[in-house]
Amino acid sequence: MNHKLSRRIFNIGLLAAVAVALLGGIFMKVWLLWCCVGLLILNLMQQNAFDRCPHCGEWFNPRAAEPDFCPKCGKKVDE
């Protein structure tokens, strides 16, 4: 999986976790809030595994725009 797909999956997972948290708060269901925590943990594990440079393994800044080149080694990320 490339880093752009990983970042899109992260954003979708984050929106899903927020939606589940809101539903849990509205309906006062604790199990929905625990599902939200589980979604966040899975989402962070996915990002940690795949949002890296394929050449040197450097993690990309999740708050920055999707890079075309690695900030550490300078190689093109998507080849």
Protein backbone atom coordinates (compact mmCIF):
# COMPACT_ATOMS: atom_id res chain seq x y z
CA MET A 1 0.00 0.00 0.00
CA ASN A 2 1.36 3.42 -0.85
CA HIS A 3 1.32 6.38 1.48
CA LYS A 4 -1.40 8.28 -0.40
CA LEU A 5 -3.86 5.41 -0.07
CA SER A 6 -2.81 5.02 3.57
CA ARG A 7 -3.53 8.69 4.23
CA ARG A 8 -6.96 8.45 2.56
CA ILE A 9 -7.83 5.39 4.66
CA PHE A 10 -6.65 7.28 7.76
CA ASN A 11 -8.91 10.25 6.98
CA ILE A 12 -11.93 8.01 6.33
CA GLY A 13 -11.24 6.06 9.53
CA LEU A 14 -10.95 9.28 11.50
CA LEU A 15 -14.30 10.51 10.19
CA ALA A 16 -15.88 7.13 10.98
CA ALA A 17 -14.52 7.24 14.55
CA VAL A 18 -15.92 10.74 15.07
CA ALA A 19 -19.31 9.65 13.70
CA VAL A 20 -19.39 6.61 15.99
CA ALA A 21 -18.41 8.79 18.96
CA LEU A 22 -21.21 11.23 18.18
CA LEU A 23 -23.73 8.40 17.89
CA GLY A 24 -22.48 6.96 21.17
CA GLY A 25 -22.93 10.33 22.85
CA ILE A 26 -26.37 10.94 21.38
CA PHE A 27 -27.77 7.49 22.21
CA MET A 28 -25.79 7.15 25.48
CA LYS A 29 -24.35 3.78 24.48
CA VAL A 30 -21.00 3.03 26.09
CA TRP A 31 -20.25 0.19 23.66
CA LEU A 32 -20.33 2.69 20.76
CA LEU A 33 -17.75 4.81 22.54
CA TRP A 34 -15.54 1.73 22.98
CA CYS A 35 -15.98 1.01 19.26
CA CYS A 36 -14.74 4.54 18.60
CA VAL A 37 -11.63 3.90 20.70
CA GLY A 38 -11.03 0.65 18.82
CA LEU A 39 -11.40 2.40 15.47
CA LEU A 40 -8.91 5.06 16.50
CA ILE A 41 -6.37 2.46 17.64
CA LEU A 42 -6.70 0.47 14.40
CA ASN A 43 -6.48 3.68 12.40
CA LEU A 44 -3.26 4.77 14.11
CA MET A 45 -1.72 1.31 13.70
CA GLN A 46 -2.51 1.39 9.97
CA GLN A 47 -0.99 4.84 9.58
CA ASN A 48 2.08 3.86 11.57
CA ALA A 49 2.64 0.83 9.35
CA PHE A 50 2.12 2.40 5.92
CA ASP A 51 2.69 6.17 6.02
CA ARG A 52 6.44 5.90 5.50
CA CYS A 53 9.05 6.31 2.79
CA PRO A 54 9.41 3.01 0.91
CA HIS A 55 13.16 3.60 0.54
CA CYS A 56 14.47 4.71 3.93
CA GLY A 57 11.48 4.07 6.24
CA GLU A 58 11.18 7.69 7.42
CA TRP A 59 7.73 8.56 8.76
CA PHE A 60 5.92 11.38 7.01
CA ASN A 61 4.42 14.24 8.98
CA PRO A 62 0.68 13.49 9.20
CA ARG A 63 -0.16 17.19 9.47
CA ALA A 64 1.74 18.14 6.31
CA ALA A 65 0.61 17.74 2.71
CA GLU A 66 1.28 14.44 0.96
CA PRO A 67 4.94 14.58 -0.10
CA ASP A 68 6.15 13.68 -3.58
CA PHE A 69 9.72 13.27 -2.32
CA CYS A 70 11.01 11.91 0.98
CA PRO A 71 12.17 14.69 3.32
CA LYS A 72 15.07 12.53 4.56
CA CYS A 73 16.50 10.68 1.54
CA GLY A 74 15.08 12.89 -1.25
CA LYS A 75 13.91 9.98 -3.41
CA LYS A 76 10.57 10.03 -5.22
CA VAL A 77 7.97 8.38 -2.98
CA ASP A 78 5.64 6.90 -5.64
CA GLU A 79 7.62 5.06 -8.27
